[in-house]
Amino acid sequence: MAVFVCMLCSCHLFDSKNEELPYYNAKELTPQWGIKNPHTIANFNFQNQSGNSYSTDSLRGKIYVANFFFTTCPGICPKMTHNLKKLQDSILSMQQVNIVSFSVMPWVDTVGRLKKYGIENEINPSVWHLLTGDKKAVYTLGRGSYFADENNTSDTSSFLHTDKMFLVDKEQHIRGVYNATRGEDINRVLNDIKILLKD
């Protein structure tokens, strides 16, 4: 009987641990728990597909999933967009949750092009924001804040491209890293969003 009770307690403790999402504080993207001063996403200000300014202030009090893409990408981007569309449809009723996609080819992805891309891919502009702006600002943010670089380089002339998506909490801390080309990771991030919504 004592063993059975002990097993139940252990299971409960294990489940509680799983409900606490880790923090990601460096480019190695190693999950860490119990961090006193977690890494924070730097402030940014770009334009979305509606031509409106969209900044860190736009995300105050919100949870969001971020990724990096470009509209003419023939490889991983269509898969990411397809999967994020599924995520979009799942979070429509969650007013505190957004998706933010940063273009890594802002010199091509104008507001007009992003708007067209959004229409073609049934992207809801009230939930999912496609952002464009200064290349240096995008790349600095991508590498320095989201650690979104497969090569872990600080070379700003190197093209920024990744299949990762990042779950960011209301305090601008990274709480999850996933592969946006994998359907099962959409289920994972959705589950983790629900955990953050409980906080």
Protein backbone atom coordinates (compact mmCIF):
# COMPACT_ATOMS: atom_id res chain seq x y z
CA MET A 1 0.00 0.00 0.00
CA ALA A 2 2.82 2.40 0.89
CA VAL A 3 4.52 1.64 -2.43
CA PHE A 4 1.28 2.37 -4.32
CA VAL A 5 0.83 5.74 -2.58
CA CYS A 6 4.47 6.60 -3.28
CA MET A 7 3.99 5.78 -6.96
CA LEU A 8 0.93 8.05 -7.13
CA CYS A 9 2.85 10.90 -5.51
CA SER A 10 5.75 10.44 -7.90
CA CYS A 11 3.44 10.51 -10.90
CA HIS A 12 1.79 13.68 -9.63
CA LEU A 13 5.13 15.39 -9.17
CA PHE A 14 6.25 14.31 -12.62
CA ASP A 15 3.07 15.64 -14.23
CA SER A 16 3.46 18.97 -12.42
CA LYS A 17 6.99 19.27 -13.75
CA ASN A 18 5.74 18.72 -17.28
CA GLU A 19 3.25 21.59 -16.84
CA GLU A 20 6.08 24.04 -16.23
CA LEU A 21 7.60 25.16 -19.51
CA PRO A 22 11.34 25.84 -19.71
CA TYR A 23 13.11 29.02 -20.75
CA TYR A 24 15.56 29.35 -23.66
CA ASN A 25 18.34 31.82 -22.94
CA ALA A 26 21.15 31.27 -25.45
CA LYS A 27 21.80 30.30 -29.06
CA GLU A 28 22.34 26.65 -28.06
CA LEU A 29 18.59 26.60 -27.27
CA THR A 30 19.03 24.37 -24.24
CA PRO A 31 15.86 24.28 -22.11
CA GLN A 32 16.32 25.56 -18.55
CA TRP A 33 14.00 25.71 -15.56
CA GLY A 34 14.02 27.99 -12.53
CA ILE A 35 15.73 30.92 -14.25
CA LYS A 36 15.73 34.16 -12.23
CA ASN A 37 16.52 36.54 -15.09
CA PRO A 38 15.46 34.87 -18.35
CA HIS A 39 16.43 36.18 -21.77
CA THR A 40 13.99 38.77 -23.15
CA ILE A 41 13.13 39.51 -26.79
CA ALA A 42 14.40 42.97 -27.79
CA ASN A 43 11.95 45.70 -28.77
CA PHE A 44 11.09 45.91 -32.46
CA ASN A 45 8.88 47.94 -34.78
CA PHE A 46 8.02 46.82 -38.32
CA GLN A 47 5.06 46.96 -40.73
CA ASN A 48 2.49 44.22 -41.14
CA GLN A 49 0.63 43.08 -44.26
CA SER A 50 -2.05 45.71 -43.64
CA GLY A 51 0.55 48.49 -43.76
CA ASN A 52 0.23 49.21 -40.06
CA SER A 53 3.03 49.62 -37.56
CA TYR A 54 3.46 46.45 -35.53
CA SER A 55 5.82 46.45 -32.56
CA THR A 56 6.65 44.89 -29.24
CA ASP A 57 3.94 47.13 -27.77
CA SER A 58 1.40 45.40 -30.04
CA LEU A 59 2.19 42.16 -28.21
CA ARG A 60 1.91 43.43 -24.63
CA GLY A 61 -0.01 40.89 -22.57
CA LYS A 62 -0.04 38.37 -25.43
CA ILE A 63 1.45 34.96 -26.09
CA TYR A 64 2.73 34.46 -29.61
CA VAL A 65 4.46 32.07 -31.97
CA ALA A 66 7.21 33.60 -34.13
CA ASN A 67 8.96 32.32 -37.23
CA PHE A 68 11.11 33.62 -40.10
CA PHE A 69 10.21 33.17 -43.77
CA PHE A 70 10.07 34.80 -47.20
CA THR A 71 7.25 34.75 -49.73
CA THR A 72 9.28 33.41 -52.68
CA CYS A 73 10.81 30.52 -50.72
CA PRO A 74 10.29 27.27 -52.66
CA GLY A 75 11.44 24.91 -49.91
CA ILE A 76 10.53 24.91 -46.22
CA CYS A 77 8.40 28.08 -46.12
CA PRO A 78 5.31 26.60 -47.83
CA LYS A 79 5.37 23.75 -45.29
CA MET A 80 5.72 26.19 -42.40
CA THR A 81 2.89 28.37 -43.72
CA HIS A 82 0.65 25.33 -44.21
CA ASN A 83 1.26 24.16 -40.65
CA LEU A 84 0.93 27.63 -39.13
CA LYS A 85 -2.40 27.99 -40.93
CA LYS A 86 -3.57 24.97 -38.93
CA LEU A 87 -2.32 26.64 -35.77
CA GLN A 88 -4.08 29.88 -36.74
CA ASP A 89 -7.38 28.03 -37.12
CA SER A 90 -6.91 26.50 -33.66
CA ILE A 91 -6.23 29.80 -31.87
CA LEU A 92 -8.90 32.00 -33.45
CA SER A 93 -10.93 32.00 -30.24
CA MET A 94 -7.85 32.70 -28.08
CA GLN A 95 -7.73 36.49 -27.98
CA GLN A 96 -4.41 36.53 -26.13
CA VAL A 97 -2.55 34.50 -28.78
CA ASN A 98 -0.99 35.67 -32.07
CA ILE A 99 1.37 34.42 -34.78
CA VAL A 100 4.17 36.69 -35.99
CA SER A 101 6.17 35.90 -39.14
CA PHE A 102 9.22 38.03 -39.94
CA SER A 103 10.31 38.25 -43.58
CA VAL A 104 14.03 37.60 -44.06
CA MET A 105 13.83 39.19 -47.52
CA PRO A 106 12.24 42.53 -46.64
CA TRP A 107 13.69 44.15 -49.76
CA VAL A 108 11.40 41.82 -51.77
CA ASP A 109 8.55 41.32 -49.30
CA THR A 110 6.89 44.71 -49.39
CA VAL A 111 3.63 45.38 -47.59
CA GLY A 112 1.77 44.77 -50.85
CA ARG A 113 3.49 41.43 -51.46
CA LEU A 114 2.83 40.31 -47.89
CA LYS A 115 -0.83 41.27 -48.23
CA LYS A 116 -1.14 39.21 -51.42
CA TYR A 117 0.68 36.27 -49.77
CA GLY A 118 -1.69 36.51 -46.83
CA ILE A 119 -4.77 36.40 -49.05
CA GLU A 120 -3.42 33.48 -51.07
CA ASN A 121 -2.72 31.48 -47.90
CA GLU A 122 -5.93 32.42 -46.03
CA ILE A 123 -4.00 34.24 -43.33
CA ASN A 124 -6.21 36.14 -40.90
CA PRO A 125 -4.52 39.55 -40.37
CA SER A 126 -6.12 40.00 -36.97
CA VAL A 127 -4.35 36.91 -35.64
CA TRP A 128 -1.33 36.34 -37.86
CA HIS A 129 0.99 39.25 -38.64
CA LEU A 130 3.44 39.12 -41.55
CA LEU A 131 6.17 41.67 -40.88
CA THR A 132 8.63 43.54 -43.07
CA GLY A 133 11.14 46.29 -42.39
CA ASP A 134 14.83 47.15 -42.29
CA LYS A 135 16.97 44.09 -43.12
CA LYS A 136 19.60 44.80 -40.48
CA ALA A 137 16.93 45.22 -37.81
CA VAL A 138 15.22 41.95 -38.80
CA TYR A 139 18.48 39.99 -38.87
CA THR A 140 19.75 41.46 -35.60
CA LEU A 141 16.44 40.58 -33.95
CA GLY A 142 16.40 37.10 -35.46
CA ARG A 143 19.91 36.19 -34.42
CA GLY A 144 20.23 38.11 -31.18
CA SER A 145 16.76 37.72 -29.68
CA TYR A 146 15.23 34.56 -31.15
CA PHE A 147 18.51 32.68 -31.80
CA ALA A 148 16.97 31.87 -35.19
CA ASP A 149 20.05 30.81 -37.11
CA GLU A 150 20.93 27.28 -38.17
CA ASN A 151 24.61 28.24 -38.45
CA ASN A 152 24.81 30.17 -35.14
CA THR A 153 26.66 32.97 -36.91
CA SER A 154 26.75 36.66 -36.14
CA ASP A 155 27.65 37.52 -39.74
CA THR A 156 24.92 39.95 -40.77
CA SER A 157 25.68 39.39 -44.46
CA SER A 158 24.83 35.68 -44.16
CA PHE A 159 21.28 34.78 -45.18
CA LEU A 160 18.97 34.04 -42.26
CA HIS A 161 16.81 30.98 -42.78
CA THR A 162 15.39 28.45 -40.32
CA ASP A 163 12.55 25.97 -39.94
CA LYS A 164 12.18 26.83 -36.25
CA MET A 165 9.20 28.49 -34.60
CA PHE A 166 9.37 30.04 -31.16
CA LEU A 167 6.76 30.26 -28.43
CA VAL A 168 7.05 33.57 -26.56
CA ASP A 169 5.19 34.33 -23.33
CA LYS A 170 3.55 37.57 -22.17
CA GLU A 171 6.85 38.79 -20.69
CA GLN A 172 8.73 38.32 -23.99
CA HIS A 173 10.59 35.17 -22.87
CA ILE A 174 11.12 32.20 -25.19
CA ARG A 175 9.29 29.20 -23.70
CA GLY A 176 9.34 26.71 -26.57
CA VAL A 177 11.26 25.89 -29.75
CA TYR A 178 9.78 23.66 -32.45
CA ASN A 179 10.17 22.57 -36.07
CA ALA A 180 7.49 24.43 -38.02
CA THR A 181 7.63 21.96 -40.92
CA ARG A 182 6.39 19.12 -38.73
CA GLY A 183 2.68 18.68 -38.12
CA GLU A 184 3.24 17.00 -34.76
CA ASP A 185 5.08 20.10 -33.55
CA ILE A 186 1.97 22.16 -34.22
CA ASN A 187 0.16 19.93 -31.73
CA ARG A 188 3.04 20.40 -29.26
CA VAL A 189 3.04 24.19 -29.48
CA LEU A 190 -0.76 24.31 -29.17
CA ASN A 191 -0.56 22.25 -25.99
CA ASP A 192 2.17 24.53 -24.62
CA ILE A 193 0.13 27.64 -25.47
CA LYS A 194 -2.69 26.22 -23.33
CA ILE A 195 -0.22 25.75 -20.47
CA LEU A 196 0.88 29.38 -20.71
CA LEU A 197 -2.71 30.57 -20.81
CA LYS A 198 -3.20 29.02 -17.36
CA ASP A 199 -0.50 31.30 -15.87
